[in-house]
Structure formats: structure tokens, C-alpha cells
Amino acid sequence: MDGNFKAEQTRCKYLDDDLPLTQGSLFLCKDMQYNQYIAGAVERPQKPTCHDHKAQSQANTQAKHLAITGIVAVACAQHGCFCPGSCANLQKGERQINMDYILAQALNLTKIPGVTPTMVLYDIICQYGVHVAKRFLENTQYLGLSSALNLIMGIGLFHVHGHQDACGPRYSLNYMIGAGQVDGEVIETLWARLNEIAVSCRPMGHGHRTGTLDFHILNSNWQKTIGMVSSLCRKLKRAYKHVRLSAEAFADLNSVTTETQVHNWRKMEKAAAENRRDDVSAMDVYVPIMKKAPTQSEIQHNLSRKEGGVSPIKGSASWLASGIAIQEAQVELAAAVRKMGRRPTVEQLNQIEERRRRLDGRINTFERLAARYLVQDASLPNAEPADDPGIAIVHADGATGEDEYEIVFDEDEDALWEDDFDYDAVQDQANPDNGPIDAEKRHISLPTTLGLRQCAHRGLKEILEEEVSLRIGQANDLLQQIHIVLGHKSFLYRTEIRHNKSQSKKTWSWSWVGHVEATVQKNSRLYKQCRKAMGQGGASEDLLAKYKDLKPEDLKIQTGVVDDPAARGTRQNTLAWFWTVNLAANADEKEKNDYLDDFYWVHWLCARAMRARWAEEFTLLIHEMDWVVRFFHQRETVWRTQADTALAANLSGHSCYAARQSHMWKMFADRADAQFVETRSAYPPPLELHYYS
């Protein structure tokens, strides 16, 4: 199901003089019954549980100059044919009452009786399907069905990525049994062809527009019918190839698992499939189960609700969050400068200067707002702890400070962190005689910059505590990102690096590892900056003990912990501290190792689901070839019967036309049968044709 807002119609002066000839006999539904339903149905507001989708937020939008704002329709996801009597005009936006009516029409006019459940695909099915059964029961006069409403709801593979992460496993066709390789987006291709006449239909009268749309949709279905034979042959060739590839990919993953793991993962998979219809959250087994700590956004929201009164000043949490974001941008810009090397091109220098200009603007805005939250004459700390080496910078007022340039790294640190950072060049650039300070080296007036003692002296202790709280959320976000990218890196080593034999595949795999490693480095630098700020803000020893210093060896994944705990040399291997930072303090080693194990069983389940989807696709195509030939023969029989009936009634013209149609369908059937036999003999069912065995 989907809506199209290109097929609109302007208001007409004389509505009674323009009536459609088809009157609901083709694709657009009957006006009288549909208008009565729309007039009596109530569109109830629904609180969104996903993103702010336009189809939901703009459902009641109305244009005064338009009589019809668009159309909605139902089409077969497998073949791309519009369902008869299941297209309707829109009076406002894409309301749920419109979608309910065309769904009921499609189930009554197109669905084969006794075949249940029905797979319904819609761009915002996560919102539409919440109360769909209730709405059908409330409007049985117009939405009555011959059998109980039994739906399997999904979202097309393109639109599902515009939803929240939770909607992916719950509604993606990749994990729906029986979906094959349907992408759920075929109706978008149908709109593209129909939009070619949308401009012409806009000023038409109601009857003329209805007839034009009906006949163009009819032609679209006819084109799909005569092109079905070649389409099925192409799909079978593609499915034959991918059945083998998906089976091999799953076999590689399955070869490094234990029997216990496979047994447990199969139980999870079976339980998810059985419970999905009643509770879509059962499909969450297809995503890693991460015990998430509060994010920076959540902490900022909680702090904002507590602000007001004398202190902290309302808006301070938002201001602090913007300062933290600026510091992150400074670290990223400094990394981009290092990546250029010592001989950058003019184009690279121009790009860096543009980024510095934009960052300077953000910093200037931040500093102007600082007067509201910090004392106007806030100065830098008078002293610097002996164990906290800094790098000297010169500020705009000419004062020199040692602790204030938030450099995360040390000159003597491992190359893993520093690459080829030129500290002498930094000191030269910090000299006022050499010009203004670059944006990535500018001082940011955050409370942690002043330190605990100065903030207490100036009455800024509460805003300092706010920043430390935000830093905790920032640390949680960064560690979460490190979890994900290290899990991906481990997966690449396990499935790509170890198994690829050719040089080209190894080169491609190592390039992916390089991209992942760059993300690890970026988040690691940001975490070190965050932890240093927490220390300067007077964080407790327990908090600093929880969020430990990140070392290069912590970023090495010991896959043997999960692959084969009994393998030689892995007895003393354990996961790094940040993998278990959100687990209970008394969690045993098995629970800690299972934290990384989530990544492996998710990839195993996804690979197994993909193998099953390709096996389903191949099997469906084999059956469809037989169904198409039978359909052509059935049409031949129908027309031959009509020819005989017309001949008996002495209607020679009718008889000739029916005989010609019968011959045409017989020709279609013979040609289809010959092509299908040839294709199936060239691409027999492969041995790797597995489902969930």
C-alpha cells in the first residue's frame, strides 16, 4: 500500500455534469460508497512511537484549491500489478481511514479465500498497524471481511531505514518467513509511470480523470502480464546464483560455532518466528542486546527539566552540550589536519580553512553566551597539577595558559593514537607572532576548564556538576560506538580476512578494516578528552575507576574468547574493561564474554535468514512458472467458451473476436511453457536449497 500526491485534481465548477463511465468497475473504487465511508469514519490522532513521518504528521493537511490531493492504491508486491477496485482518492493527507478502505477492498476483491495470513507492506506500518484491527471492527459496514483479519505486517527495504533502529528487525522483509526476495517497493516504480500523466489529469473533470487513471492502470497491469515470463526467467537465474552464495556465507559462519551455540540460536530463532504475530518485539533477537547506559541526550533532557530559579540557570545544560560538541569538532578537525600530512594540496588546505571558519563561528557564538552562565571575568586556573602535562597556548588577550588547550594526547604516546602529529608545529602556531590561533586549538570556556577549585571559589559548582553529568553521558555514547565498531572489526577479521585467498579480496577486506579502525581511533580520542574533563571537574574516584583510561591494548579483540574457549593460548584471554562497564559488578566471566557473543549470533541469525529467503525465492519462482502457464490456459478456456456461446447465438463478430483472444492466450501459454522448461533445465534446484533445516 502507498499514496501518490502527484495525481491531484483542481476543484471543478459543475460536478453534477461529469460522471465517470467505469463507476468502480476497474481500479478506482465506487465514489458513493467510498464518500459515505469517509464522511462517517473518524480519524483519531495517534501518538507516534517512531520517527516523525510525514505520512502521519501531515495526514490532515488540506489544500483549498484542490478537490483531490492524490490517490492511494494497493498492488501485488511480487508482480507489481494494481489490485482491482483498490485505488481511492485522497481528500486531505494520507489518512489511516483511506488506507483502511483500500486494504478492505483488496482483501475482499483480490485475496484468495482460505489463504491466510496476508502479508501487508506499508511505509509506516509500525504506526498504521497499531490499531488496524480495532478500526476494522468499528466500521464493519464498509470494512467488513469474509474472514477474520489476519495480517503479517512489514516495511519495504528502502523505507525501513528511515525508521527507528527497532523497526528494522521487527518489520524488515529480510526476516519474514515466506517473503522471499520481495523488496516491498514495487509500487514506487508504478507511481513513476503513472506520474507521467499526472499533470494532464490535474485540470480534468472527475469522470474524465477517473477514466484516464483506470485505463492507464489497466495498461500497466497488461504490461506486467505480458512481461511476466521473461521476468520470472531472469529472477530464477539470479536466485540460482544467490542460493549458492548465501549458503556458502552461512556455512563459513556456522563452521566456527559450537553445537551448544547453534542449539541455543535455533531456539531463539524459532521462538521469534512463532511469537512475531502477537508481539513484534520478539524479532529483536536479530539485533545485539546491549545493556545501554544513559546517553548524553537523555542526561541533558533530565538536567533541563531541573533547571530554573537561582541556579543552575535555565538553558545551561543546552549551553554545556553545545560546548562539548564544539570540543568534539575540534578533535575531529585536528585529526583531519594530521591526516593531510606535511605536503597537503591547495584543495585540502581550502577545505580545512572552510571547516575552521565554520568552527570559529560556533566558538564565537558559544563564548558570547558564556556571560550568562559564567562570571564575566572568568580566568584560567592559576596553577596546573604536576601530573597533568599540558601544552602552552596564547589566548586572544595575550595571556598564556598551560592547562587550557584541551589536547587529549601526549607526545610520547603510542603511534596508535598520534599518527604523525607535529607538536613543534603546534607550538609555533600557538605563538601570537605567527598569527591567529586555529579553530581546533582555541580555548573553550567550560567549567571543567576552570577546574573544581576555581568553580567552587566563583560559585559555579552546580554548573560544573552539570557538565560532569553530561560528560558521563558522552562517555557512555562513545563507549557504545566503540562497542559497535570493534564488534564489526572482529566480524570482518573472522569472516573476510581469515578466509579470503585472492589478493583482490584481501585488499578490499583490509580497506574495510582501515575504515573501521579510523572510526575506532576517532572515538578513542574523544573518550580520552571526555575522561580528562571528568577528572578536571572533580569526578569521584569511583566514577573514574568505572570509566578507566583507554589504552591501545584495550582495543584488541580476542576472538578466541568466543570462538573456542578451549583453544590453546586463550586460557588467560578476557575482554577489555569497557565491554563490561554496564554490567553488574559481580557479573561472572561467562556473562562478560556473552556480551561480545551477541555480535556473533546476530550475524549468524542474519546469514541464516538470508539463506532461507533465497531458498524461498527459488522455490516460489519454480511454482510461479507453473501458475503462469495455468493462468494463460485458463484465459484461453474462458475465451474459447465465449466464442462458442457467441457462435451459437449467431453473433459472428463476437465469436471471431473471442476466438482470436483464445488463440492469443494459447500462444502465450505455449511460449511461456517452452521458455520455462528451458530455464528450469539450465538452472535446476541446487543442493544448497535450505530453509530452516
Foldseek 3Di string as FASTA:
>chain_A
DEWDQLQFAFDDDDQVVADAPCQQVFAEAHDPLVVVLVVPDDQDQDDDPKDPDCLRVFQAAADPGTQFRTKDFDADLVLLATARSLMYTHHGGNTLSNVLQSVLVRQARPNDPPDDDAEDEDLVCVRSVPCSQVSCVVPCVRSPDPDHHGYDYAYFPVSQVVIPPLNCLLHALLLAFLSFPRRRCSVVVVVVVVSVCSVVLHHDHPNVSVVVSRVVSVVVNVVSLLCVLVVLLVLLVVLLVVLVVLLVLLVLLVVLADPVVVVVLLVLSVVQNVCSSVPSSSSVLLDFDDPADAALVRLLVVVQVVADDPPDHRPLSVLLVLLLVLLLLLLVLLVLVVVCPDDHDPVSVVVSVVSQVVSVVSQVVSVVCVVVRAPPPDDFAPDDDPVQFAAWAAAPVRDIDTQFFLQLDDPPADCLQVVDDDVVVQNVLRDVVNPDHTSSRHGHPAPLRRFQVSCVVRVNLRSLVSSLSSLVNLLSVLLVLLLVLLLVLVVLCSSQCVPDDDPVSNVVSVVVNVVSSVSNNSSLSSNSSSLSSNVRSPPDPVVCVLSDRDGPVLSDDDCCVRSPCPDPPNVPDAHHSSLCSSPDPPDDRVVSSVSSVSSSSSVSSSSLSNSQSSLSSSVVSLVVLVVSLVVLQVLLVVLCVQLVVCVVVVNNVSNVVSNVSSVVSVVSNVVSVVSSVVSCVVSPDDPSNDHSD
